């Protein structure tokens, strides 16, 4: 839900970097890889208990992911670059959750598994809808039911980022934060299924 408000603001801030990266001959795939490795470094830092370091890596991951988007808007982005961006983002979110499980396997492993399960539902419903909508030539991403559309967007990139930052900043409360966020993800997943039923039946 925050994406509609926050993403255009972030894009305006980062867009000037797009032509600069293009002028340097930098490809979107390279920025995706850099962002991905920063994300894996964040997950490793969480697993080792270096939460301040993890926070820095997460922020850098999000910044370079934003630069990648700015580059994609400055030039014709390849399908493979878009593919990498989507895949690496989902792996990054799951890897950080897994890091918490490694940090405290006795106390947080189950919660981390529940969070990853919720991420799978969120990602699966999003990608499956996109594939099926394209397959039947459906234009748009709305069901014409305002409540279904709103609740299906309960969790987006902005919410995922905020949740990760809060989990790391307040890592001692990871269990409670992760379970609440997993619930939000499952609600969004349920309404994405309803949206797909309304749009694709």
N, C-alpha and C. Protein backbone atom coordinates (compact mmCIF):
# COMPACT_ATOMS: atom_id res chain seq x y z
N UNK A 1 0.81 -1.21 0.00
CA UNK A 1 0.00 0.00 0.00
C UNK A 1 0.85 1.27 0.00
N UNK A 2 2.01 1.19 0.66
CA UNK A 2 2.90 2.35 0.72
C UNK A 2 3.57 2.63 -0.61
N UNK A 3 3.65 1.61 -1.47
CA UNK A 3 4.36 1.78 -2.74
C UNK A 3 3.79 2.93 -3.57
N UNK A 4 2.47 3.08 -3.55
CA UNK A 4 1.84 4.12 -4.36
C UNK A 4 2.30 5.51 -3.95
N UNK A 5 2.59 5.69 -2.65
CA UNK A 5 3.00 7.00 -2.16
C UNK A 5 4.51 7.16 -2.17
N UNK A 6 5.21 6.13 -1.67
CA UNK A 6 6.65 6.25 -1.46
C UNK A 6 7.46 6.04 -2.74
N UNK A 7 7.05 5.06 -3.56
CA UNK A 7 7.86 4.72 -4.74
C UNK A 7 8.04 5.89 -5.70
N UNK A 8 6.99 6.66 -6.02
CA UNK A 8 7.22 7.80 -6.92
C UNK A 8 8.20 8.82 -6.36
N UNK A 9 8.19 9.02 -5.03
CA UNK A 9 9.13 9.96 -4.41
C UNK A 9 10.55 9.45 -4.51
N UNK A 10 10.75 8.15 -4.22
CA UNK A 10 12.08 7.56 -4.30
C UNK A 10 12.59 7.58 -5.75
N UNK A 11 11.69 7.28 -6.68
CA UNK A 11 12.08 7.28 -8.10
C UNK A 11 12.57 8.66 -8.53
N UNK A 12 11.89 9.71 -8.08
CA UNK A 12 12.30 11.07 -8.46
C UNK A 12 13.69 11.40 -7.92
N UNK A 13 14.00 10.89 -6.72
CA UNK A 13 15.31 11.15 -6.11
C UNK A 13 16.41 10.38 -6.85
N UNK A 14 16.13 9.13 -7.22
CA UNK A 14 17.15 8.26 -7.80
C UNK A 14 17.25 8.35 -9.32
N UNK A 15 16.22 8.85 -9.98
CA UNK A 15 16.21 8.88 -11.45
C UNK A 15 17.42 9.57 -12.08
N UNK A 16 17.95 10.68 -11.51
CA UNK A 16 19.12 11.30 -12.13
C UNK A 16 20.33 10.37 -12.23
N UNK A 17 20.39 9.34 -11.37
CA UNK A 17 21.51 8.41 -11.42
C UNK A 17 21.43 7.48 -12.62
N UNK A 18 20.21 7.27 -13.14
CA UNK A 18 20.04 6.34 -14.25
C UNK A 18 20.87 6.70 -15.48
N UNK A 19 20.76 7.95 -16.00
CA UNK A 19 21.58 8.33 -17.16
C UNK A 19 23.08 8.26 -16.88
N UNK A 20 23.47 8.53 -15.63
CA UNK A 20 24.91 8.46 -15.28
C UNK A 20 25.41 7.03 -15.40
N UNK A 21 24.68 6.08 -14.84
CA UNK A 21 25.07 4.67 -14.96
C UNK A 21 25.09 4.24 -16.42
N UNK A 22 24.11 4.71 -17.18
CA UNK A 22 24.06 4.38 -18.60
C UNK A 22 25.28 4.92 -19.33
N UNK A 23 25.68 6.15 -19.00
CA UNK A 23 26.85 6.76 -19.65
C UNK A 23 28.14 6.01 -19.33
N UNK A 24 28.19 5.37 -18.16
CA UNK A 24 29.38 4.61 -17.77
C UNK A 24 29.38 3.21 -18.37
N UNK A 25 28.34 2.87 -19.10
CA UNK A 25 28.26 1.54 -19.70
C UNK A 25 27.88 0.45 -18.72
N UNK A 26 27.30 0.84 -17.59
CA UNK A 26 26.91 -0.14 -16.56
C UNK A 26 25.58 -0.76 -16.93
N UNK A 27 25.49 -2.05 -16.82
CA UNK A 27 24.28 -2.80 -17.18
C UNK A 27 23.41 -3.07 -15.95
N UNK A 28 22.12 -3.22 -16.19
CA UNK A 28 21.20 -3.50 -15.10
C UNK A 28 21.52 -4.80 -14.38
N UNK A 29 21.99 -5.79 -15.14
CA UNK A 29 22.34 -7.07 -14.53
C UNK A 29 23.45 -6.90 -13.49
N UNK A 30 24.39 -5.99 -13.75
CA UNK A 30 25.49 -5.77 -12.81
C UNK A 30 24.97 -5.18 -11.51
N UNK A 31 24.07 -4.21 -11.63
CA UNK A 31 23.50 -3.60 -10.42
C UNK A 31 22.66 -4.61 -9.65
N UNK A 32 21.96 -5.48 -10.38
CA UNK A 32 21.18 -6.54 -9.72
C UNK A 32 22.09 -7.46 -8.92
N UNK A 33 23.22 -7.85 -9.53
CA UNK A 33 24.17 -8.73 -8.84
C UNK A 33 24.77 -8.05 -7.61
N UNK A 34 25.14 -6.78 -7.76
CA UNK A 34 25.71 -6.05 -6.62
C UNK A 34 24.70 -5.95 -5.49
N UNK A 35 23.47 -5.58 -5.83
CA UNK A 35 22.42 -5.49 -4.84
C UNK A 35 22.18 -6.84 -4.16
N UNK A 36 22.21 -7.90 -4.96
CA UNK A 36 21.98 -9.25 -4.43
C UNK A 36 23.07 -9.65 -3.44
N UNK A 37 24.33 -9.41 -3.80
CA UNK A 37 25.42 -9.79 -2.90
C UNK A 37 25.40 -8.97 -1.61
N UNK A 38 24.98 -7.71 -1.72
CA UNK A 38 24.82 -6.89 -0.50
C UNK A 38 23.71 -7.48 0.37
N UNK A 39 22.65 -7.98 -0.27
CA UNK A 39 21.57 -8.62 0.48
C UNK A 39 22.01 -9.90 1.16
N UNK A 40 22.82 -10.69 0.45
CA UNK A 40 23.34 -11.92 1.07
C UNK A 40 24.28 -11.59 2.22
N UNK A 41 25.05 -10.52 2.07
CA UNK A 41 25.93 -10.08 3.16
C UNK A 41 25.10 -9.68 4.38
N UNK A 42 23.95 -9.04 4.13
CA UNK A 42 23.05 -8.68 5.24
C UNK A 42 22.54 -9.93 5.95
N UNK A 43 22.15 -10.94 5.16
CA UNK A 43 21.65 -12.18 5.75
C UNK A 43 22.74 -12.87 6.57
N UNK A 44 23.97 -12.87 6.04
CA UNK A 44 25.09 -13.48 6.78
C UNK A 44 25.35 -12.73 8.08
N UNK A 45 25.31 -11.41 8.01
CA UNK A 45 25.54 -10.59 9.21
C UNK A 45 24.47 -10.87 10.26
N UNK A 46 23.22 -11.03 9.83
CA UNK A 46 22.15 -11.36 10.78
C UNK A 46 22.43 -12.72 11.42
N UNK A 47 22.80 -13.70 10.59
CA UNK A 47 23.08 -15.03 11.11
C UNK A 47 24.20 -15.05 12.13
N UNK A 48 25.17 -14.14 11.97
CA UNK A 48 26.30 -14.06 12.89
C UNK A 48 26.05 -13.11 14.06
N UNK A 49 24.91 -12.42 14.02
CA UNK A 49 24.57 -11.52 15.11
C UNK A 49 25.14 -10.12 14.99
N UNK A 50 25.64 -9.75 13.81
CA UNK A 50 26.17 -8.39 13.60
C UNK A 50 25.06 -7.52 13.02
N UNK A 51 24.14 -7.10 13.88
CA UNK A 51 22.92 -6.47 13.40
C UNK A 51 23.15 -5.05 12.87
N UNK A 52 24.10 -4.31 13.43
CA UNK A 52 24.41 -2.98 12.90
C UNK A 52 24.94 -3.09 11.48
N UNK A 53 25.81 -4.08 11.27
CA UNK A 53 26.35 -4.32 9.93
C UNK A 53 25.24 -4.76 8.98
N UNK A 54 24.36 -5.62 9.45
CA UNK A 54 23.24 -6.09 8.64
C UNK A 54 22.36 -4.93 8.21
N UNK A 55 22.13 -4.00 9.13
CA UNK A 55 21.30 -2.84 8.81
C UNK A 55 21.91 -2.03 7.67
N UNK A 56 23.22 -1.83 7.73
CA UNK A 56 23.91 -1.10 6.67
C UNK A 56 23.82 -1.81 5.33
N UNK A 57 24.00 -3.13 5.34
CA UNK A 57 23.93 -3.89 4.09
C UNK A 57 22.51 -3.86 3.49
N UNK A 58 21.50 -3.91 4.35
CA UNK A 58 20.12 -3.85 3.85
C UNK A 58 19.85 -2.50 3.19
N UNK A 59 20.30 -1.43 3.83
CA UNK A 59 20.11 -0.10 3.26
C UNK A 59 20.82 0.01 1.91
N UNK A 60 22.05 -0.49 1.85
CA UNK A 60 22.79 -0.46 0.57
C UNK A 60 22.10 -1.31 -0.49
N UNK A 61 21.60 -2.46 -0.08
CA UNK A 61 20.86 -3.32 -1.02
C UNK A 61 19.69 -2.58 -1.63
N UNK A 62 18.94 -1.88 -0.79
CA UNK A 62 17.76 -1.15 -1.28
C UNK A 62 18.16 0.03 -2.16
N UNK A 63 19.26 0.70 -1.81
CA UNK A 63 19.72 1.84 -2.61
C UNK A 63 20.12 1.38 -4.01
N UNK A 64 20.91 0.31 -4.08
CA UNK A 64 21.37 -0.16 -5.40
C UNK A 64 20.23 -0.82 -6.18
N UNK A 65 19.27 -1.39 -5.49
CA UNK A 65 18.09 -1.88 -6.18
C UNK A 65 17.33 -0.70 -6.81
N UNK A 66 17.28 0.42 -6.07
CA UNK A 66 16.66 1.62 -6.61
C UNK A 66 17.43 2.19 -7.79
N UNK A 67 18.77 2.16 -7.71
CA UNK A 67 19.60 2.60 -8.84
C UNK A 67 19.33 1.73 -10.07
N UNK A 68 19.14 0.44 -9.83
CA UNK A 68 18.84 -0.48 -10.93
C UNK A 68 17.54 -0.08 -11.61
N UNK A 69 16.55 0.28 -10.81
CA UNK A 69 15.28 0.73 -11.37
C UNK A 69 15.45 2.02 -12.17
N UNK A 70 16.28 2.94 -11.64
CA UNK A 70 16.53 4.21 -12.34
C UNK A 70 17.22 3.96 -13.68
N UNK A 71 18.16 3.02 -13.70
CA UNK A 71 18.84 2.68 -14.95
C UNK A 71 17.86 2.06 -15.93
N UNK A 72 16.97 1.20 -15.43
CA UNK A 72 15.98 0.58 -16.29
C UNK A 72 15.04 1.59 -16.92
N UNK A 73 14.75 2.68 -16.21
CA UNK A 73 13.89 3.72 -16.76
C UNK A 73 14.64 4.63 -17.73
N UNK A 74 15.98 4.68 -17.60
CA UNK A 74 16.78 5.55 -18.47
C UNK A 74 17.09 4.89 -19.81
N UNK A 75 16.99 3.57 -19.88
CA UNK A 75 17.29 2.86 -21.11
C UNK A 75 16.31 1.70 -21.26
N UNK A 76 16.35 1.05 -22.39
CA UNK A 76 15.47 -0.10 -22.60
C UNK A 76 16.03 -1.29 -21.84
N UNK A 77 15.35 -1.66 -20.77
CA UNK A 77 15.82 -2.74 -19.90
C UNK A 77 15.55 -4.09 -20.56
N UNK A 78 16.52 -5.00 -20.46
CA UNK A 78 16.33 -6.33 -21.03
C UNK A 78 15.41 -7.15 -20.14
N UNK A 79 14.77 -8.14 -20.75
CA UNK A 79 13.89 -9.03 -20.00
C UNK A 79 14.67 -9.78 -18.93
N UNK A 80 15.93 -10.14 -19.25
CA UNK A 80 16.74 -10.87 -18.27
C UNK A 80 17.07 -9.99 -17.06
N UNK A 81 17.30 -8.69 -17.29
CA UNK A 81 17.58 -7.79 -16.18
C UNK A 81 16.37 -7.69 -15.25
N UNK A 82 15.17 -7.61 -15.83
CA UNK A 82 13.96 -7.56 -15.01
C UNK A 82 13.76 -8.86 -14.25
N UNK A 83 14.08 -9.97 -14.94
CA UNK A 83 13.97 -11.29 -14.31
C UNK A 83 14.89 -11.39 -13.09
N UNK A 84 16.16 -11.00 -13.27
CA UNK A 84 17.11 -11.05 -12.17
C UNK A 84 16.66 -10.20 -11.00
N UNK A 85 16.14 -9.01 -11.29
CA UNK A 85 15.70 -8.10 -10.24
C UNK A 85 14.62 -8.74 -9.38
N UNK A 86 13.64 -9.37 -10.02
CA UNK A 86 12.55 -10.01 -9.28
C UNK A 86 13.05 -11.20 -8.47
N UNK A 87 13.81 -12.08 -9.12
CA UNK A 87 14.30 -13.30 -8.46
C UNK A 87 15.21 -12.96 -7.28
N UNK A 88 16.17 -12.06 -7.50
CA UNK A 88 17.11 -11.72 -6.43
C UNK A 88 16.43 -11.06 -5.25
N UNK A 89 15.39 -10.27 -5.51
CA UNK A 89 14.68 -9.63 -4.40
C UNK A 89 14.01 -10.67 -3.51
N UNK A 90 13.34 -11.66 -4.13
CA UNK A 90 12.68 -12.69 -3.33
C UNK A 90 13.69 -13.53 -2.55
N UNK A 91 14.81 -13.85 -3.17
CA UNK A 91 15.84 -14.62 -2.46
C UNK A 91 16.39 -13.80 -1.29
N UNK A 92 16.59 -12.51 -1.51
CA UNK A 92 17.10 -11.62 -0.46
C UNK A 92 16.18 -11.61 0.75
N UNK A 93 14.88 -11.42 0.53
CA UNK A 93 13.93 -11.38 1.65
C UNK A 93 13.98 -12.69 2.44
N UNK A 94 13.97 -13.81 1.72
CA UNK A 94 14.01 -15.10 2.40
C UNK A 94 15.33 -15.35 3.11
N UNK A 95 16.43 -14.88 2.51
CA UNK A 95 17.75 -15.10 3.11
C UNK A 95 17.89 -14.38 4.45
N UNK A 96 17.36 -13.16 4.54
CA UNK A 96 17.44 -12.43 5.81
C UNK A 96 16.62 -13.15 6.88
N UNK A 97 15.43 -13.62 6.51
CA UNK A 97 14.62 -14.40 7.47
C UNK A 97 15.37 -15.65 7.91
N UNK A 98 16.02 -16.32 6.96
CA UNK A 98 16.81 -17.51 7.28
C UNK A 98 17.96 -17.16 8.22
N UNK A 99 18.54 -15.97 8.03
CA UNK A 99 19.61 -15.53 8.91
C UNK A 99 19.18 -15.49 10.36
N UNK A 100 17.96 -15.03 10.61
CA UNK A 100 17.45 -15.01 11.99
C UNK A 100 17.33 -16.43 12.54
N UNK A 101 16.95 -17.37 11.69
CA UNK A 101 16.87 -18.75 12.13
C UNK A 101 18.22 -19.31 12.51
N UNK A 102 19.26 -18.95 11.75
CA UNK A 102 20.61 -19.39 12.08
C UNK A 102 21.13 -18.71 13.35
N UNK A 103 20.77 -17.45 13.54
CA UNK A 103 21.24 -16.72 14.71
C UNK A 103 20.75 -17.35 16.01
N UNK A 104 19.50 -17.80 16.02
CA UNK A 104 18.93 -18.42 17.22
C UNK A 104 18.10 -19.63 16.80
N UNK A 105 18.77 -20.74 16.46
CA UNK A 105 18.03 -21.90 15.92
C UNK A 105 17.02 -22.48 16.89
N UNK A 106 17.26 -22.36 18.17
CA UNK A 106 16.34 -22.93 19.15
C UNK A 106 15.12 -22.04 19.39
N UNK A 107 15.32 -20.72 19.29
CA UNK A 107 14.22 -19.81 19.61
C UNK A 107 13.55 -19.16 18.42
N UNK A 108 14.25 -19.08 17.27
CA UNK A 108 13.70 -18.30 16.16
C UNK A 108 13.56 -19.07 14.85
N UNK A 109 14.01 -20.31 14.83
CA UNK A 109 13.98 -21.07 13.57
C UNK A 109 12.55 -21.27 13.07
N UNK A 110 11.62 -21.62 13.96
CA UNK A 110 10.24 -21.85 13.56
C UNK A 110 9.61 -20.56 13.05
N UNK A 111 9.87 -19.47 13.76
CA UNK A 111 9.31 -18.18 13.32
C UNK A 111 9.87 -17.79 11.96
N UNK A 112 11.17 -18.00 11.76
CA UNK A 112 11.78 -17.70 10.46
C UNK A 112 11.14 -18.55 9.36
N UNK A 113 10.86 -19.82 9.67
CA UNK A 113 10.22 -20.70 8.69
C UNK A 113 8.82 -20.22 8.34
N UNK A 114 8.08 -19.77 9.35
CA UNK A 114 6.72 -19.24 9.11
C UNK A 114 6.79 -18.00 8.23
N UNK A 115 7.77 -17.13 8.50
CA UNK A 115 7.92 -15.92 7.70
C UNK A 115 8.26 -16.25 6.24
N UNK A 116 9.17 -17.21 6.03
CA UNK A 116 9.52 -17.61 4.67
C UNK A 116 8.31 -18.23 3.97
N UNK A 117 7.52 -19.02 4.71
CA UNK A 117 6.28 -19.59 4.16
C UNK A 117 5.35 -18.47 3.68
N UNK A 118 5.22 -17.43 4.49
CA UNK A 118 4.36 -16.30 4.11
C UNK A 118 4.91 -15.58 2.89
N UNK A 119 6.24 -15.44 2.81
CA UNK A 119 6.86 -14.82 1.64
C UNK A 119 6.57 -15.63 0.37
N UNK A 120 6.60 -16.96 0.50
CA UNK A 120 6.35 -17.82 -0.67
C UNK A 120 4.95 -17.61 -1.21
N UNK A 121 3.99 -17.51 -0.32
CA UNK A 121 2.62 -17.26 -0.75
C UNK A 121 2.48 -15.92 -1.44
N UNK A 122 3.13 -14.92 -0.87
CA UNK A 122 3.07 -13.57 -1.43
C UNK A 122 3.69 -13.54 -2.83
N UNK A 123 4.88 -14.11 -2.95
CA UNK A 123 5.56 -14.10 -4.23
C UNK A 123 4.88 -14.98 -5.26
N UNK A 124 4.41 -16.15 -4.83
CA UNK A 124 3.77 -17.07 -5.76
C UNK A 124 2.50 -16.51 -6.36
N UNK A 125 1.66 -15.90 -5.53
CA UNK A 125 0.41 -15.34 -6.04
C UNK A 125 0.67 -14.16 -6.97
N UNK A 126 1.68 -13.37 -6.67
CA UNK A 126 2.00 -12.21 -7.52
C UNK A 126 2.47 -12.66 -8.90
N UNK A 127 3.43 -13.57 -8.92
CA UNK A 127 4.01 -14.00 -10.19
C UNK A 127 3.02 -14.84 -11.00
N UNK A 128 2.27 -15.70 -10.34
CA UNK A 128 1.30 -16.53 -11.06
C UNK A 128 0.23 -15.66 -11.71
N UNK A 129 -0.22 -14.64 -11.01
CA UNK A 129 -1.22 -13.73 -11.58
C UNK A 129 -0.66 -13.01 -12.80
N UNK A 130 0.58 -12.54 -12.69
CA UNK A 130 1.19 -11.83 -13.82
C UNK A 130 1.28 -12.73 -15.04
N UNK A 131 1.66 -13.99 -14.85
CA UNK A 131 1.80 -14.93 -15.96
C UNK A 131 0.44 -15.21 -16.60
N UNK A 132 -0.57 -15.49 -15.77
CA UNK A 132 -1.88 -15.83 -16.30
C UNK A 132 -2.55 -14.63 -16.96
N UNK A 133 -2.39 -13.44 -16.36
CA UNK A 133 -2.99 -12.24 -16.95
C UNK A 133 -2.38 -11.97 -18.32
N UNK A 134 -1.08 -12.13 -18.45
CA UNK A 134 -0.43 -11.93 -19.75
C UNK A 134 -0.88 -13.00 -20.74
N UNK A 135 -1.05 -14.22 -20.26
CA UNK A 135 -1.42 -15.33 -21.14
C UNK A 135 -2.78 -15.12 -21.79
N UNK A 136 -3.71 -14.50 -21.05
CA UNK A 136 -5.05 -14.29 -21.60
C UNK A 136 -5.23 -12.86 -22.11
N UNK A 137 -4.15 -12.09 -22.07
CA UNK A 137 -4.21 -10.73 -22.60
C UNK A 137 -4.95 -9.75 -21.72
N UNK A 138 -4.97 -10.00 -20.41
CA UNK A 138 -5.66 -9.11 -19.48
C UNK A 138 -4.82 -7.87 -19.27
N UNK A 139 -5.41 -6.72 -19.48
CA UNK A 139 -4.70 -5.45 -19.33
C UNK A 139 -5.08 -4.83 -18.00
N UNK A 140 -4.10 -4.61 -17.14
CA UNK A 140 -4.38 -4.00 -15.84
C UNK A 140 -4.22 -5.00 -14.71
N UNK A 141 -4.19 -4.47 -13.48
CA UNK A 141 -3.95 -5.30 -12.30
C UNK A 141 -5.00 -5.02 -11.25
N UNK A 142 -6.27 -4.88 -11.68
CA UNK A 142 -7.34 -4.58 -10.75
C UNK A 142 -8.50 -5.54 -10.96
N UNK A 143 -9.27 -5.75 -9.91
CA UNK A 143 -10.42 -6.65 -9.98
C UNK A 143 -11.73 -5.88 -10.04
N UNK A 144 -11.65 -4.54 -9.95
CA UNK A 144 -12.81 -3.66 -9.91
C UNK A 144 -13.56 -3.78 -8.60
N UNK A 145 -12.94 -4.38 -7.60
CA UNK A 145 -13.48 -4.40 -6.24
C UNK A 145 -12.47 -3.68 -5.36
N UNK A 146 -12.83 -2.49 -4.86
CA UNK A 146 -11.86 -1.63 -4.20
C UNK A 146 -11.27 -2.29 -2.95
N UNK A 147 -12.09 -3.04 -2.20
CA UNK A 147 -11.58 -3.66 -0.98
C UNK A 147 -10.62 -4.80 -1.30
N UNK A 148 -10.96 -5.59 -2.30
CA UNK A 148 -10.08 -6.69 -2.70
C UNK A 148 -8.76 -6.13 -3.21
N UNK A 149 -8.82 -5.10 -4.06
CA UNK A 149 -7.59 -4.53 -4.61
C UNK A 149 -6.73 -3.90 -3.52
N UNK A 150 -7.37 -3.21 -2.58
CA UNK A 150 -6.63 -2.55 -1.50
C UNK A 150 -5.94 -3.56 -0.60
N UNK A 151 -6.68 -4.59 -0.17
CA UNK A 151 -6.12 -5.58 0.75
C UNK A 151 -5.10 -6.49 0.05
N UNK A 152 -5.24 -6.66 -1.27
CA UNK A 152 -4.25 -7.46 -1.98
C UNK A 152 -2.91 -6.73 -2.06
N UNK A 153 -2.94 -5.42 -1.89
CA UNK A 153 -1.72 -4.61 -1.90
C UNK A 153 -1.25 -4.25 -0.50
N UNK A 154 -1.74 -4.98 0.49
CA UNK A 154 -1.40 -4.70 1.89
C UNK A 154 0.11 -4.76 2.12
N UNK A 155 0.77 -5.65 1.40
CA UNK A 155 2.23 -5.80 1.52
C UNK A 155 2.87 -5.64 0.15
N UNK A 156 3.72 -4.64 0.03
CA UNK A 156 4.48 -4.41 -1.19
C UNK A 156 5.96 -4.26 -0.86
N UNK A 157 6.72 -3.78 -1.83
CA UNK A 157 8.16 -3.62 -1.63
C UNK A 157 8.48 -2.70 -0.46
N UNK A 158 7.73 -1.61 -0.33
CA UNK A 158 7.99 -0.66 0.75
C UNK A 158 7.76 -1.31 2.11
N UNK A 159 6.64 -2.04 2.23
CA UNK A 159 6.34 -2.71 3.50
C UNK A 159 7.39 -3.78 3.82
N UNK A 160 7.83 -4.51 2.80
CA UNK A 160 8.86 -5.53 3.01
C UNK A 160 10.14 -4.90 3.54
N UNK A 161 10.51 -3.77 2.95
CA UNK A 161 11.74 -3.09 3.36
C UNK A 161 11.63 -2.57 4.79
N UNK A 162 10.51 -1.92 5.10
CA UNK A 162 10.31 -1.39 6.45
C UNK A 162 10.33 -2.52 7.47
N UNK A 163 9.66 -3.63 7.15
CA UNK A 163 9.62 -4.77 8.07
C UNK A 163 11.02 -5.32 8.34
N UNK A 164 11.82 -5.47 7.28
CA UNK A 164 13.19 -5.97 7.46
C UNK A 164 14.00 -5.04 8.35
N UNK A 165 13.89 -3.74 8.11
CA UNK A 165 14.64 -2.78 8.91
C UNK A 165 14.22 -2.82 10.37
N UNK A 166 12.92 -2.93 10.62
CA UNK A 166 12.43 -2.99 12.00
C UNK A 166 12.87 -4.28 12.67
N UNK A 167 12.83 -5.39 11.94
CA UNK A 167 13.28 -6.68 12.51
C UNK A 167 14.74 -6.62 12.93
N UNK A 168 15.57 -5.96 12.12
CA UNK A 168 16.99 -5.88 12.44
C UNK A 168 17.23 -4.88 13.57
N UNK A 169 16.57 -3.72 13.50
CA UNK A 169 16.74 -2.71 14.55
C UNK A 169 16.27 -3.22 15.90
N UNK A 170 15.15 -3.95 15.91
CA UNK A 170 14.57 -4.49 17.15
C UNK A 170 14.66 -6.01 17.14
N UNK A 171 15.88 -6.50 16.87
CA UNK A 171 16.05 -7.95 16.67
C UNK A 171 15.67 -8.77 17.88
N UNK A 172 15.69 -8.16 19.06
CA UNK A 172 15.31 -8.90 20.27
C UNK A 172 13.82 -9.23 20.27
N UNK A 173 13.06 -8.52 19.43
CA UNK A 173 11.63 -8.77 19.31
C UNK A 173 11.29 -9.40 17.96
N UNK A 174 12.27 -10.03 17.34
CA UNK A 174 12.06 -10.58 16.01
C UNK A 174 10.85 -11.50 15.95
N UNK A 175 10.69 -12.37 16.94
CA UNK A 175 9.60 -13.34 16.92
C UNK A 175 8.25 -12.68 16.76
N UNK A 176 7.97 -11.69 17.59
CA UNK A 176 6.67 -11.02 17.54
C UNK A 176 6.49 -10.23 16.25
N UNK A 177 7.52 -9.50 15.86
CA UNK A 177 7.44 -8.68 14.64
C UNK A 177 7.24 -9.57 13.42
N UNK A 178 8.00 -10.65 13.33
CA UNK A 178 7.92 -11.55 12.18
C UNK A 178 6.56 -12.21 12.07
N UNK A 179 6.00 -12.63 13.20
CA UNK A 179 4.68 -13.28 13.16
C UNK A 179 3.59 -12.31 12.74
N UNK A 180 3.65 -11.08 13.24
CA UNK A 180 2.66 -10.07 12.84
C UNK A 180 2.79 -9.78 11.34
N UNK A 181 4.03 -9.62 10.88
CA UNK A 181 4.22 -9.32 9.45
C UNK A 181 3.83 -10.51 8.59
N UNK A 182 4.10 -11.73 9.05
CA UNK A 182 3.69 -12.92 8.31
C UNK A 182 2.17 -12.96 8.17
N UNK A 183 1.47 -12.53 9.22
CA UNK A 183 0.01 -12.48 9.16
C UNK A 183 -0.45 -11.49 8.09
N UNK A 184 0.19 -10.33 8.02
CA UNK A 184 -0.13 -9.34 6.99
C UNK A 184 0.11 -9.94 5.59
N UNK A 185 1.24 -10.66 5.45
CA UNK A 185 1.55 -11.29 4.17
C UNK A 185 0.48 -12.31 3.78
N UNK A 186 0.03 -13.09 4.75
CA UNK A 186 -0.98 -14.12 4.46
C UNK A 186 -2.32 -13.49 4.11
N UNK A 187 -2.66 -12.37 4.76
CA UNK A 187 -3.89 -11.66 4.40
C UNK A 187 -3.80 -11.16 2.96
N UNK A 188 -2.66 -10.52 2.64
CA UNK A 188 -2.46 -10.02 1.27
C UNK A 188 -2.51 -11.16 0.26
N UNK A 189 -1.91 -12.30 0.60
CA UNK A 189 -1.93 -13.46 -0.28
C UNK A 189 -3.35 -13.94 -0.53
N UNK A 190 -4.13 -14.02 0.53
CA UNK A 190 -5.52 -14.47 0.40
C UNK A 190 -6.31 -13.56 -0.53
N UNK A 191 -6.13 -12.27 -0.38
CA UNK A 191 -6.88 -11.34 -1.23
C UNK A 191 -6.34 -11.29 -2.65
N UNK A 192 -5.07 -11.64 -2.83
CA UNK A 192 -4.56 -11.75 -4.21
C UNK A 192 -5.18 -12.95 -4.92
N UNK A 193 -5.43 -14.01 -4.17
CA UNK A 193 -6.11 -15.17 -4.75
C UNK A 193 -7.55 -14.79 -5.12
N UNK A 194 -8.21 -14.04 -4.22
CA UNK A 194 -9.57 -13.59 -4.52
C UNK A 194 -9.59 -12.67 -5.73
N UNK A 195 -8.60 -11.78 -5.81
CA UNK A 195 -8.50 -10.87 -6.95
C UNK A 195 -8.33 -11.68 -8.24
N UNK A 196 -7.48 -12.71 -8.18
CA UNK A 196 -7.26 -13.54 -9.37
C UNK A 196 -8.55 -14.25 -9.76
N UNK A 197 -9.30 -14.73 -8.78
CA UNK A 197 -10.57 -15.41 -9.07
C UNK A 197 -11.54 -14.45 -9.75
N UNK A 198 -11.60 -13.22 -9.29
CA UNK A 198 -12.50 -12.24 -9.88
C UNK A 198 -12.08 -11.86 -11.29
N UNK A 199 -10.76 -11.80 -11.51
CA UNK A 199 -10.24 -11.31 -12.80
C UNK A 199 -10.07 -12.40 -13.84
N UNK A 200 -9.79 -13.63 -13.41
CA UNK A 200 -9.40 -14.67 -14.35
C UNK A 200 -10.46 -15.73 -14.60
N UNK A 201 -11.52 -15.73 -13.82
CA UNK A 201 -12.53 -16.80 -13.98
C UNK A 201 -13.24 -16.70 -15.33
